[in-house]
């Protein structure tokens, strides 16, 4: 937690990005990639089965950055959940 009582998601995230990703994590939803916002997981899966390559799957570097950011949020959420038990 940060000094303001808000959860700190670490560096390299844009303002509000950690909170937005965390909202999907807390709701148990798939985190949308660029180009997928506004689509649900079933629609995305349908397009991928048709052969479309969603933007989040195409670029190795962008995908690596996305995974790192998501992992930062997952780590912060896990630490917060563990802190509630202690």
C-alpha atoms as a PDB file:
ATOM      1  CA  UNK A   1       0.000   0.000   0.000  1.00  0.00           C
ATOM      2  CA  UNK A   2       1.092   3.558  -0.628  1.00  0.00           C
ATOM      3  CA  UNK A   3       0.962   6.487   1.758  1.00  0.00           C
ATOM      4  CA  UNK A   4      -2.467   7.547   0.431  1.00  0.00           C
ATOM      5  CA  UNK A   5      -4.020   4.171   1.274  1.00  0.00           C
ATOM      6  CA  UNK A   6      -4.175   3.225  -2.405  1.00  0.00           C
ATOM      7  CA  UNK A   7      -2.497   0.022  -3.556  1.00  0.00           C
ATOM      8  CA  UNK A   8       0.840   0.583  -5.318  1.00  0.00           C
ATOM      9  CA  UNK A   9       1.193  -1.418  -8.524  1.00  0.00           C
ATOM     10  CA  UNK A  10       4.871  -0.572  -9.059  1.00  0.00           C
ATOM     11  CA  UNK A  11       6.597   1.454 -11.720  1.00  0.00           C
ATOM     12  CA  UNK A  12       6.356   1.498 -15.514  1.00  0.00           C
ATOM     13  CA  UNK A  13       2.564   1.839 -15.466  1.00  0.00           C
ATOM     14  CA  UNK A  14       0.739   4.880 -16.767  1.00  0.00           C
ATOM     15  CA  UNK A  15      -1.446   6.837 -14.327  1.00  0.00           C
ATOM     16  CA  UNK A  16      -4.611   4.815 -13.737  1.00  0.00           C
ATOM     17  CA  UNK A  17      -3.331   1.818 -15.704  1.00  0.00           C
ATOM     18  CA  UNK A  18      -2.730  -0.322 -12.611  1.00  0.00           C
ATOM     19  CA  UNK A  19      -6.203   0.404 -11.253  1.00  0.00           C
ATOM     20  CA  UNK A  20      -7.816  -0.391 -14.617  1.00  0.00           C
ATOM     21  CA  UNK A  21      -5.998  -3.724 -14.937  1.00  0.00           C
ATOM     22  CA  UNK A  22      -6.768  -4.516 -11.289  1.00  0.00           C
ATOM     23  CA  UNK A  23     -10.494  -3.968 -11.909  1.00  0.00           C
ATOM     24  CA  UNK A  24     -10.443  -6.794 -14.484  1.00  0.00           C
ATOM     25  CA  UNK A  25      -8.376  -9.016 -12.162  1.00  0.00           C
ATOM     26  CA  UNK A  26     -10.729  -8.453  -9.225  1.00  0.00           C
ATOM     27  CA  UNK A  27     -13.758  -9.206 -11.415  1.00  0.00           C
ATOM     28  CA  UNK A  28     -12.103 -12.412 -12.663  1.00  0.00           C
ATOM     29  CA  UNK A  29     -12.220 -11.191 -16.258  1.00  0.00           C
ATOM     30  CA  UNK A  30      -9.685 -11.513 -19.074  1.00  0.00           C
ATOM     31  CA  UNK A  31      -7.611  -8.352 -19.388  1.00  0.00           C
ATOM     32  CA  UNK A  32      -8.301  -6.883 -22.847  1.00  0.00           C
ATOM     33  CA  UNK A  33      -5.390  -6.136 -25.126  1.00  0.00           C
ATOM     34  CA  UNK A  34      -5.072  -3.172 -27.453  1.00  0.00           C
ATOM     35  CA  UNK A  35      -7.731  -3.461 -30.144  1.00  0.00           C
ATOM     36  CA  UNK A  36      -9.919  -5.706 -28.004  1.00  0.00           C
ATOM     37  CA  UNK A  37     -11.513  -3.111 -25.744  1.00  0.00           C
ATOM     38  CA  UNK A  38     -15.287  -3.317 -26.025  1.00  0.00           C
ATOM     39  CA  UNK A  39     -15.248  -6.996 -27.005  1.00  0.00           C
ATOM     40  CA  UNK A  40     -15.960  -9.841 -24.623  1.00  0.00           C
ATOM     41  CA  UNK A  41     -13.786 -12.959 -24.296  1.00  0.00           C
ATOM     42  CA  UNK A  42     -16.157 -15.077 -26.419  1.00  0.00           C
ATOM     43  CA  UNK A  43     -16.061 -12.587 -29.303  1.00  0.00           C
ATOM     44  CA  UNK A  44     -12.264 -12.428 -29.163  1.00  0.00           C
ATOM     45  CA  UNK A  45     -11.978 -16.225 -29.118  1.00  0.00           C
ATOM     46  CA  UNK A  46     -14.385 -16.457 -32.079  1.00  0.00           C
ATOM     47  CA  UNK A  47     -12.282 -14.031 -34.159  1.00  0.00           C
ATOM     48  CA  UNK A  48      -9.082 -15.896 -33.250  1.00  0.00           C
ATOM     49  CA  UNK A  49     -10.684 -19.211 -34.327  1.00  0.00           C
ATOM     50  CA  UNK A  50     -11.579 -17.594 -37.650  1.00  0.00           C
ATOM     51  CA  UNK A  51      -7.878 -16.875 -38.134  1.00  0.00           C
ATOM     52  CA  UNK A  52      -7.682 -13.249 -37.081  1.00  0.00           C
ATOM     53  CA  UNK A  53      -4.558 -12.319 -35.144  1.00  0.00           C
ATOM     54  CA  UNK A  54      -5.503 -10.001 -32.317  1.00  0.00           C
ATOM     55  CA  UNK A  55      -3.056  -7.144 -31.794  1.00  0.00           C
ATOM     56  CA  UNK A  56      -1.976  -8.413 -28.388  1.00  0.00           C
ATOM     57  CA  UNK A  57      -0.733 -11.674 -29.908  1.00  0.00           C
ATOM     58  CA  UNK A  58       1.236 -10.255 -32.825  1.00  0.00           C
ATOM     59  CA  UNK A  59       4.153  -8.290 -31.413  1.00  0.00           C
ATOM     60  CA  UNK A  60       6.602 -10.087 -29.125  1.00  0.00           C
ATOM     61  CA  UNK A  61       7.894  -6.921 -27.443  1.00  0.00           C
ATOM     62  CA  UNK A  62       4.421  -5.463 -26.823  1.00  0.00           C
ATOM     63  CA  UNK A  63       3.276  -8.826 -25.509  1.00  0.00           C
ATOM     64  CA  UNK A  64       6.268  -9.025 -23.147  1.00  0.00           C
ATOM     65  CA  UNK A  65       5.528  -5.528 -21.799  1.00  0.00           C
ATOM     66  CA  UNK A  66       1.847  -6.382 -21.324  1.00  0.00           C
ATOM     67  CA  UNK A  67       2.694  -9.577 -19.446  1.00  0.00           C
ATOM     68  CA  UNK A  68       5.146  -7.700 -17.197  1.00  0.00           C
ATOM     69  CA  UNK A  69       2.549  -5.042 -16.382  1.00  0.00           C
ATOM     70  CA  UNK A  70      -0.139  -7.636 -15.700  1.00  0.00           C
ATOM     71  CA  UNK A  71       2.246  -9.551 -13.438  1.00  0.00           C
ATOM     72  CA  UNK A  72       2.987  -6.351 -11.475  1.00  0.00           C
ATOM     73  CA  UNK A  73      -0.735  -5.936 -10.841  1.00  0.00           C
ATOM     74  CA  UNK A  74      -1.225  -9.619  -9.961  1.00  0.00           C
ATOM     75  CA  UNK A  75       1.680  -9.409  -7.467  1.00  0.00           C
ATOM     76  CA  UNK A  76       0.277  -6.280  -5.825  1.00  0.00           C
ATOM     77  CA  UNK A  77      -3.200  -7.835  -5.604  1.00  0.00           C
ATOM     78  CA  UNK A  78      -1.789 -11.028  -4.077  1.00  0.00           C
ATOM     79  CA  UNK A  79       0.212  -9.051  -1.501  1.00  0.00           C
ATOM     80  CA  UNK A  80      -2.916  -7.093  -0.606  1.00  0.00           C
ATOM     81  CA  UNK A  81      -4.968 -10.284  -0.221  1.00  0.00           C
ATOM     82  CA  UNK A  82      -2.279 -11.871   1.978  1.00  0.00           C
ATOM     83  CA  UNK A  83      -2.095  -8.733   4.124  1.00  0.00           C
ATOM     84  CA  UNK A  84      -5.807  -9.099   4.905  1.00  0.00           C
ATOM     85  CA  UNK A  85      -5.179 -12.580   6.340  1.00  0.00           C
ATOM     86  CA  UNK A  86      -2.262 -11.463   8.550  1.00  0.00           C
END
